[in-house]
Protein backbone atom coordinates (compact mmCIF):
# COMPACT_ATOMS: atom_id res chain seq x y z
CA MET A 1 -113.98 -35.16 32.34
CA ARG A 2 -116.35 -37.82 33.65
CA LEU A 3 -117.35 -38.27 37.31
CA PHE A 4 -119.05 -41.33 38.75
CA HIS A 5 -120.40 -42.49 42.11
CA ILE A 6 -120.23 -46.28 42.61
CA HIS A 7 -122.14 -47.79 45.50
CA GLY A 8 -123.18 -51.44 45.72
CA ASP A 9 -125.06 -52.12 42.50
CA GLN A 10 -125.58 -48.42 41.76
CA PHE A 11 -123.52 -46.59 39.16
CA THR A 12 -124.32 -42.90 38.81
CA GLU A 13 -122.63 -40.28 36.62
CA LEU A 14 -122.26 -36.86 38.23
CA SER A 15 -122.20 -33.51 36.48
CA GLN A 16 -119.66 -31.89 38.82
CA LEU A 17 -117.52 -32.54 41.86
CA PRO A 18 -119.79 -32.99 44.89
CA ALA A 19 -119.41 -30.68 47.85
CA ASP A 20 -119.07 -33.62 50.24
CA LEU A 21 -117.92 -37.18 49.86
CA PRO A 22 -120.94 -39.52 49.61
CA GLY A 23 -121.68 -41.51 52.71
CA ASP A 24 -121.34 -44.88 50.98
CA GLY A 25 -119.38 -46.23 48.03
CA PHE A 26 -116.60 -44.34 46.30
CA LEU A 27 -116.01 -41.76 43.58
CA TRP A 28 -114.29 -42.29 40.26
CA LEU A 29 -112.85 -39.12 38.71
CA GLY A 30 -111.79 -39.73 35.09
CA TYR A 31 -109.89 -36.91 33.36
CA GLY A 32 -108.08 -36.43 30.13
CA ARG A 33 -104.51 -35.27 30.62
CA ARG A 34 -105.22 -31.74 29.36
CA GLU A 35 -108.43 -31.47 31.40
CA PHE A 36 -106.59 -32.61 34.51
CA GLU A 37 -103.98 -29.91 34.01
CA LEU A 38 -106.60 -27.19 33.55
CA GLN A 39 -108.78 -28.28 36.50
CA LEU A 40 -105.98 -29.23 38.89
CA GLY A 41 -106.84 -26.49 41.39
CA GLU A 42 -110.47 -27.55 41.62
CA ILE A 43 -109.44 -31.21 42.01
CA GLN A 44 -106.99 -30.42 44.79
CA GLN A 45 -109.63 -28.39 46.63
CA GLY A 46 -112.13 -31.23 46.29
CA LEU A 47 -109.68 -33.81 47.63
CA GLN A 48 -108.82 -31.53 50.54
CA ARG A 49 -112.51 -30.91 51.23
CA TRP A 50 -113.23 -34.64 51.31
CA GLY A 51 -110.40 -35.29 53.77
CA CYS A 52 -108.37 -37.30 51.25
CA GLY A 53 -105.28 -35.14 51.25
CA GLN A 54 -103.90 -33.34 48.21
CA LEU A 55 -101.77 -34.78 45.46
CA VAL A 56 -98.04 -34.24 45.88
CA ASP A 57 -96.52 -31.89 43.30
CA LEU A 58 -94.11 -34.57 42.11
CA HIS A 59 -97.00 -36.97 41.53
CA VAL A 60 -98.92 -34.27 39.65
CA SER A 61 -95.93 -33.95 37.33
CA ASP A 62 -95.92 -37.74 36.88
CA LEU A 63 -99.60 -37.74 35.95
CA LEU A 64 -99.04 -34.98 33.39
CA ASN A 65 -95.92 -36.56 31.87
CA ASN A 66 -96.75 -38.38 28.63
CA GLN A 67 -93.30 -40.05 28.42
CA LEU A 68 -93.05 -41.49 31.93
CA PRO A 69 -92.47 -45.27 32.18
CA SER A 70 -94.73 -47.49 34.27
CA HIS A 71 -93.96 -47.15 37.97
CA PHE A 72 -95.56 -47.21 41.42
CA ASP A 73 -95.29 -44.87 44.40
CA TYR A 74 -97.26 -44.27 47.56
CA THR A 75 -97.91 -41.77 50.34
CA SER A 76 -99.81 -41.99 53.62
CA TRP A 77 -102.92 -40.67 51.81
CA TYR A 78 -102.94 -42.55 48.51
CA ASP A 79 -101.12 -44.92 46.17
CA LEU A 80 -99.98 -43.79 42.73
CA LEU A 81 -99.66 -46.10 39.73
CA VAL A 82 -98.56 -44.98 36.27
CA PHE A 83 -99.21 -47.76 33.78
CA ARG A 84 -98.39 -47.65 30.08
CA ARG A 85 -101.10 -49.21 27.96
CA LEU A 86 -100.49 -51.56 25.02
CA ALA A 87 -103.13 -51.01 22.37
CA ALA A 88 -103.56 -50.22 18.69
CA ALA A 89 -103.07 -46.52 18.13
CA PRO A 90 -106.13 -44.69 16.75
CA GLY A 91 -106.16 -44.76 12.96
CA HIS A 92 -103.73 -47.72 12.75
CA GLU A 93 -106.04 -50.61 13.68
CA HIS A 94 -106.01 -51.87 10.07
CA LEU A 95 -102.27 -52.59 10.27
CA LEU A 96 -102.89 -55.06 13.07
CA ALA A 97 -106.20 -56.41 11.83
CA ASP A 98 -105.33 -57.10 8.19
CA PRO A 99 -104.18 -60.73 7.87
CA GLU A 100 -102.93 -60.15 4.32
CA HIS A 101 -100.08 -57.90 5.39
CA GLY A 102 -96.87 -59.88 5.52
CA THR A 103 -94.01 -57.69 4.38
CA LEU A 104 -91.30 -56.30 6.60
CA HIS A 105 -92.73 -52.82 6.09
CA SER A 106 -96.16 -53.91 7.35
CA THR A 107 -94.56 -55.68 10.33
CA HIS A 108 -92.58 -52.55 11.19
CA GLU A 109 -95.69 -50.38 10.86
CA ALA A 110 -97.66 -52.83 13.02
CA LEU A 111 -95.08 -52.56 15.80
CA LYS A 112 -95.13 -48.77 15.53
CA ALA A 113 -98.94 -48.85 15.69
CA ILE A 114 -98.88 -50.17 19.28
CA ASP A 115 -99.65 -47.19 21.50
CA THR A 116 -97.86 -47.17 24.87
CA SER A 117 -99.18 -43.90 26.30
CA PRO A 118 -99.30 -43.89 30.12
CA VAL A 119 -102.49 -43.89 32.20
CA GLY A 120 -102.22 -42.54 35.76
CA PHE A 121 -104.10 -43.85 38.83
CA ALA A 122 -104.28 -42.14 42.22
CA VAL A 123 -105.95 -44.62 44.59
CA PHE A 124 -107.43 -43.10 47.74
CA ASP A 125 -109.52 -44.95 50.32
CA ARG A 126 -112.79 -43.82 48.71
CA VAL A 127 -111.71 -41.96 45.60
CA LEU A 128 -110.09 -43.16 42.38
CA LEU A 129 -108.53 -40.45 40.21
CA THR A 130 -107.53 -41.53 36.70
CA VAL A 131 -105.67 -39.45 34.13
CA HIS A 132 -105.91 -40.69 30.53
CA PRO A 133 -104.42 -39.71 27.18
CA THR A 134 -106.71 -37.62 25.04
CA ASP A 135 -107.57 -40.48 22.68
CA CYS A 136 -107.75 -43.21 25.38
CA LEU A 137 -110.89 -45.35 25.19
CA VAL A 138 -110.38 -47.12 28.52
CA ARG A 139 -112.41 -44.59 30.52
CA ASP A 140 -115.40 -44.63 28.18
CA TYR A 141 -115.23 -48.42 27.86
CA PHE A 142 -115.44 -48.94 31.63
CA ALA A 143 -118.09 -46.26 32.02
CA SER A 144 -120.34 -48.04 29.52
CA LYS A 145 -119.45 -51.49 30.90
CA MET A 146 -120.26 -50.60 34.50
CA GLY A 147 -123.42 -48.82 33.39
CA ALA A 148 -124.48 -52.05 31.70
CA LEU A 149 -123.61 -54.02 34.84
CA ALA A 150 -125.70 -51.70 37.00
CA GLU A 151 -128.66 -52.12 34.64
CA GLY A 152 -128.18 -55.88 34.34
CA ARG A 153 -127.48 -55.72 30.59
CA ASP A 154 -123.95 -57.14 30.70
CA LEU A 155 -124.01 -60.91 31.10
CA ARG A 156 -120.27 -61.40 30.50
CA GLY A 157 -117.30 -61.08 32.84
CA SER A 158 -117.74 -59.95 36.43
CA ALA A 159 -121.38 -59.81 37.54
CA ARG A 160 -120.83 -57.04 40.08
CA LEU A 161 -119.48 -53.54 40.27
CA PRO A 162 -116.10 -52.96 41.95
CA ASN A 163 -116.27 -52.49 45.71
CA SER A 164 -113.25 -50.21 46.07
CA PRO A 165 -111.06 -47.80 44.08
CA ALA A 166 -108.22 -50.36 44.18
CA GLU A 167 -110.39 -53.05 42.58
CA LEU A 168 -111.54 -50.70 39.82
CA MET A 169 -107.92 -49.71 39.18
CA LEU A 170 -106.89 -53.37 38.86
CA ARG A 171 -109.76 -54.08 36.48
CA MET A 172 -108.70 -51.22 34.24
CA VAL A 173 -105.04 -52.27 34.31
CA ASN A 174 -106.02 -55.85 33.51
CA HIS A 175 -108.08 -54.62 30.56
CA MET A 176 -105.12 -52.64 29.22
CA VAL A 177 -102.87 -55.70 29.46
CA ASP A 178 -105.46 -57.97 27.83
CA SER A 179 -105.82 -55.54 24.95
CA TYR A 180 -102.28 -56.54 23.93
CA LEU A 181 -103.06 -60.23 24.35
CA GLU A 182 -105.74 -59.73 21.69
CA LEU A 183 -103.10 -58.31 19.33
CA ARG A 184 -100.43 -60.93 19.85
CA ARG A 185 -101.87 -63.44 17.35
CA LEU A 186 -101.86 -60.80 14.62
CA LEU A 187 -98.33 -59.71 15.46
CA THR A 188 -97.22 -63.35 15.46
CA ARG A 189 -98.70 -63.73 11.98
CA GLN A 190 -96.75 -60.69 10.83
CA MET A 191 -93.53 -62.08 12.29
CA THR A 192 -94.14 -65.49 10.66
CA ALA A 193 -94.53 -63.80 7.28
CA LEU A 194 -91.26 -61.94 7.87
CA GLN A 195 -89.51 -65.22 8.65
CA ARG A 196 -90.79 -66.74 5.42
CA THR A 197 -89.48 -63.76 3.50
CA LEU A 198 -86.05 -64.10 5.07
CA MET A 199 -86.00 -67.85 4.41
CA ASP A 200 -87.01 -67.53 0.75
CA ALA A 201 -83.90 -68.46 -1.26
CA ASN A 202 -85.18 -66.58 -4.32
CA SER A 203 -85.82 -63.29 -2.51
CA HIS A 204 -83.30 -60.46 -2.52
CA PHE A 205 -83.74 -59.01 0.96
CA GLU A 206 -82.31 -55.49 1.29
CA ASP A 207 -84.45 -53.79 3.99
CA TRP A 208 -81.88 -54.22 6.76
CA PRO A 209 -82.34 -50.71 8.26
CA LEU A 210 -86.07 -51.36 8.54
CA LEU A 211 -85.42 -54.74 10.14
CA LEU A 212 -83.13 -53.11 12.73
CA GLU A 213 -85.82 -50.54 13.51
CA SER A 214 -88.36 -53.35 14.00
CA ARG A 215 -86.01 -55.13 16.39
CA ASP A 216 -85.51 -51.86 18.29
CA ALA A 217 -89.31 -51.53 18.54
CA LEU A 218 -89.46 -55.01 20.07
CA HIS A 219 -86.74 -54.05 22.56
CA ARG A 220 -88.71 -50.95 23.58
CA LEU A 221 -91.85 -53.07 23.94
CA GLU A 222 -89.95 -55.48 26.20
CA ASP A 223 -88.73 -52.57 28.35
CA THR A 224 -92.32 -51.33 28.65
CA CYS A 225 -93.50 -54.76 29.80
CA GLU A 226 -90.69 -55.04 32.35
CA ASP A 227 -91.63 -51.62 33.77
CA GLN A 228 -95.25 -52.76 33.99
CA ARG A 229 -94.24 -55.91 35.83
CA SER A 230 -92.09 -53.97 38.29
CA ALA A 231 -94.89 -51.47 38.99
CA ILE A 232 -97.45 -54.19 39.71
CA GLN A 233 -94.96 -56.09 41.87
CA GLU A 234 -94.39 -52.97 43.98
CA TRP A 235 -98.15 -52.55 44.30
CA ILE A 236 -98.47 -56.18 45.50
CA ASP A 237 -95.68 -55.63 48.03
CA VAL A 238 -97.42 -52.54 49.43
CA LEU A 239 -100.76 -54.37 49.44
CA ASP A 240 -99.24 -57.10 51.59
CA ASP A 241 -98.04 -54.42 54.04
CA TRP A 242 -101.49 -52.91 54.54
CA PRO A 243 -102.75 -53.20 58.14
CA SER A 244 -104.61 -56.44 58.77
CA ALA A 245 -108.39 -56.11 58.58
CA GLU A 246 -110.42 -57.48 61.47
CA GLU A 247 -113.84 -57.76 59.79
CA PRO A 248 -114.40 -60.89 57.66
CA ALA A 249 -115.80 -58.84 54.78
CA ALA A 250 -112.74 -56.59 54.77
CA GLN A 251 -110.42 -59.62 54.93
CA ARG A 252 -112.24 -61.20 51.98
CA GLU A 253 -112.00 -57.95 50.00
CA ARG A 254 -108.28 -57.73 50.75
CA GLU A 255 -107.76 -61.31 49.55
CA LEU A 256 -109.72 -60.60 46.36
CA LEU A 257 -107.42 -57.65 45.70
CA ARG A 258 -104.38 -59.92 46.12
CA VAL A 259 -105.86 -62.50 43.76
CA ARG A 260 -106.71 -59.88 41.13
CA SER A 261 -103.26 -58.31 41.49
CA ARG A 262 -101.55 -61.66 40.93
CA ASP A 263 -103.81 -62.26 37.94
CA VAL A 264 -102.75 -58.92 36.42
CA GLN A 265 -99.12 -59.80 37.07
CA GLU A 266 -99.58 -63.19 35.38
CA HIS A 267 -101.07 -61.50 32.31
CA ILE A 268 -98.12 -59.13 32.15
CA GLU A 269 -95.77 -62.11 32.34
CA ARG A 270 -97.58 -63.66 29.37
CA VAL A 271 -97.20 -60.44 27.38
CA LEU A 272 -93.51 -60.22 28.28
CA ALA A 273 -92.95 -63.86 27.32
CA HIS A 274 -94.66 -63.27 23.97
CA VAL A 275 -92.56 -60.19 23.24
CA ARG A 276 -89.39 -62.10 24.08
CA ARG A 277 -90.48 -64.95 21.80
CA MET A 278 -90.96 -62.44 18.99
CA GLU A 279 -87.50 -61.04 19.63
CA SER A 280 -86.02 -64.52 19.61
CA SER A 281 -87.92 -65.39 16.43
CA SER A 282 -86.66 -62.30 14.63
CA GLU A 283 -83.08 -63.04 15.72
CA SER A 284 -83.41 -66.67 14.64
CA ALA A 285 -84.86 -65.61 11.30
CA VAL A 286 -81.88 -63.35 10.61
CA GLN A 287 -79.42 -66.09 11.56
CA MET A 288 -81.24 -68.64 9.43
CA HIS A 289 -81.29 -66.16 6.56
CA PHE A 290 -77.51 -65.85 6.64
CA SER A 291 -77.17 -69.60 7.09
CA ALA A 292 -79.31 -70.15 3.99
CA LEU A 293 -77.20 -67.65 2.07
CA GLY A 294 -74.04 -69.44 3.20
CA HIS A 295 -75.49 -72.81 2.20
CA ARG A 296 -76.45 -71.46 -1.21
CA THR A 297 -72.99 -69.97 -1.69
CA ASN A 298 -71.38 -73.26 -0.69
CA SER A 299 -73.55 -75.15 -3.20
CA ILE A 300 -72.55 -72.77 -5.98
CA MET A 301 -68.87 -73.02 -5.09
CA ARG A 302 -69.11 -76.82 -4.89
CA THR A 303 -70.64 -76.98 -8.38
CA LEU A 304 -68.01 -74.64 -9.82
CA THR A 305 -65.24 -76.68 -8.16
CA VAL A 306 -66.60 -79.92 -9.62
CA LEU A 307 -66.82 -78.40 -13.11
CA THR A 308 -63.26 -77.13 -12.76
CA ALA A 309 -62.10 -80.60 -11.67
CA ILE A 310 -63.81 -82.14 -14.72
CA PHE A 311 -62.35 -79.72 -17.27
CA LEU A 312 -58.87 -79.62 -15.78
CA PRO A 313 -57.73 -83.00 -17.24
CA LEU A 314 -59.43 -82.09 -20.53
CA ASN A 315 -57.37 -78.91 -20.66
CA LEU A 316 -54.29 -81.01 -19.90
CA ILE A 317 -55.02 -83.33 -22.85
CA THR A 318 -55.64 -80.47 -25.26
CA GLY A 319 -52.51 -78.76 -23.96
CA ILE A 320 -50.40 -81.86 -24.64
CA PHE A 321 -51.74 -82.32 -28.14
CA GLY A 322 -51.35 -78.64 -28.79
CA MET A 323 -47.57 -78.78 -28.29
CA ASN A 324 -45.51 -77.80 -31.29
CA PHE A 325 -43.52 -81.09 -31.62
CA ASP A 326 -43.36 -83.15 -34.77
CA GLY A 327 -42.98 -86.51 -33.00
CA LEU A 328 -46.19 -86.51 -30.95
CA PRO A 329 -48.22 -89.78 -31.11
CA LEU A 330 -51.36 -89.76 -33.30
CA ILE A 331 -50.60 -86.29 -34.63
CA HIS A 332 -50.02 -87.52 -38.22
CA LYS A 333 -52.81 -90.11 -38.24
CA ALA A 334 -56.28 -89.46 -39.69
CA ALA A 335 -58.02 -90.96 -36.65
CA GLY A 336 -55.85 -89.07 -34.16
CA PHE A 337 -58.42 -86.36 -33.56
CA TRP A 338 -61.16 -88.88 -32.86
CA VAL A 339 -58.96 -90.83 -30.48
CA ALA A 340 -58.10 -87.67 -28.54
CA PHE A 341 -61.75 -86.57 -28.55
CA GLY A 342 -62.90 -89.98 -27.35
CA LEU A 343 -60.28 -89.91 -24.59
CA MET A 344 -61.44 -86.49 -23.40
CA LEU A 345 -65.10 -87.56 -23.58
CA ALA A 346 -64.40 -90.68 -21.55
CA VAL A 347 -62.42 -88.76 -18.95
CA GLY A 348 -65.15 -86.10 -18.70
CA LEU A 349 -67.97 -88.63 -18.40
CA GLY A 350 -65.98 -90.72 -15.94
CA LEU A 351 -65.25 -87.78 -13.67
CA GLY A 352 -68.85 -86.53 -13.98
CA LEU A 353 -70.17 -89.95 -12.98
CA PHE A 354 -67.69 -90.14 -10.10
CA PHE A 355 -68.69 -86.75 -8.70
CA TRP A 356 -72.37 -87.54 -9.18
CA ARG A 357 -71.99 -90.76 -7.19
CA LYS A 358 -70.24 -88.72 -4.48
CA ARG A 359 -73.22 -86.30 -4.58
CA TYR A 360 -71.02 -83.35 -5.38
CA LEU A 361 -73.39 -82.42 -8.19
CA GLY A 362 -77.01 -81.45 -7.55
CA THR A 363 -78.91 -79.54 -4.87
CA ARG A 364 -78.70 -82.28 -2.23
CA HIS A 365 -75.64 -83.85 -0.80
CA GLY A 366 -74.88 -86.07 2.14
């Protein structure tokens, strides 16, 4: 559990829930899923004491559910967003970071190493409640990043602290989406290596069950991205329905939220497009693999057919001269064998030359 008070350029970590809501700024309550479950009563009392309204029981179940897809919901007191992250699972970073891996097994393990555990956000007017998986680094990353911003040590990215719980939520969601964008180049490299393996004419590919599992993992990843896109779109729709602000500062803040929301949605679209390209690449690789096998089989059958066509007249000649008749031509002459042999050699060479000119022999044909 980590509690923070954010006000202007001040970022302060608290040791416990305050008795009253601070006069300025907003609170960020970051809990692990197990901690949230154990301290739910205290959290509900604090929200009620601050005049924020309590969490609905159904939303509490959503925040505690580790298998829930990304979705958005709202009440008159708060908005709820459950967003599944896309990041390397702890202990599996080497599968995505090692450029030497290129087998189907490493590609399959890399896809399995993408963690899609959900992170929950309850966005109140002046309180942001986040519920993270136990091993999620998003909370600690933003705590250190905003601490550096408050101290003026972070010269990259946004130069100011978030002004509202909604803005902080969007920053965290954007970070979770961008964490996949950092992995896409490595996953693309893995998929390219898989395509080369499937296209290698000398390889004997037999890992079809593993390939099907990898394609299923890509389908699940696409479903996750589509759920993310739908959740953010619902958030944007609700944001557009918020009452119009009269103060210029509030109007500017509302417009910044819209811009950041559209930016998050655009990043999700990029992730979804990349996942679909990977799916299409894997499907194309399989089809090209079977096309290459068919081409190779056709080449072998063409060569065997040509050889059969060459030896067929030779067999006919030997069959004729092998007949048990006494009156066959050349059969009683000393040079008969050489005449027959020369005839067969000429026929064989002639047919071989003919088929070679037709490009029926060799690896290329037109």
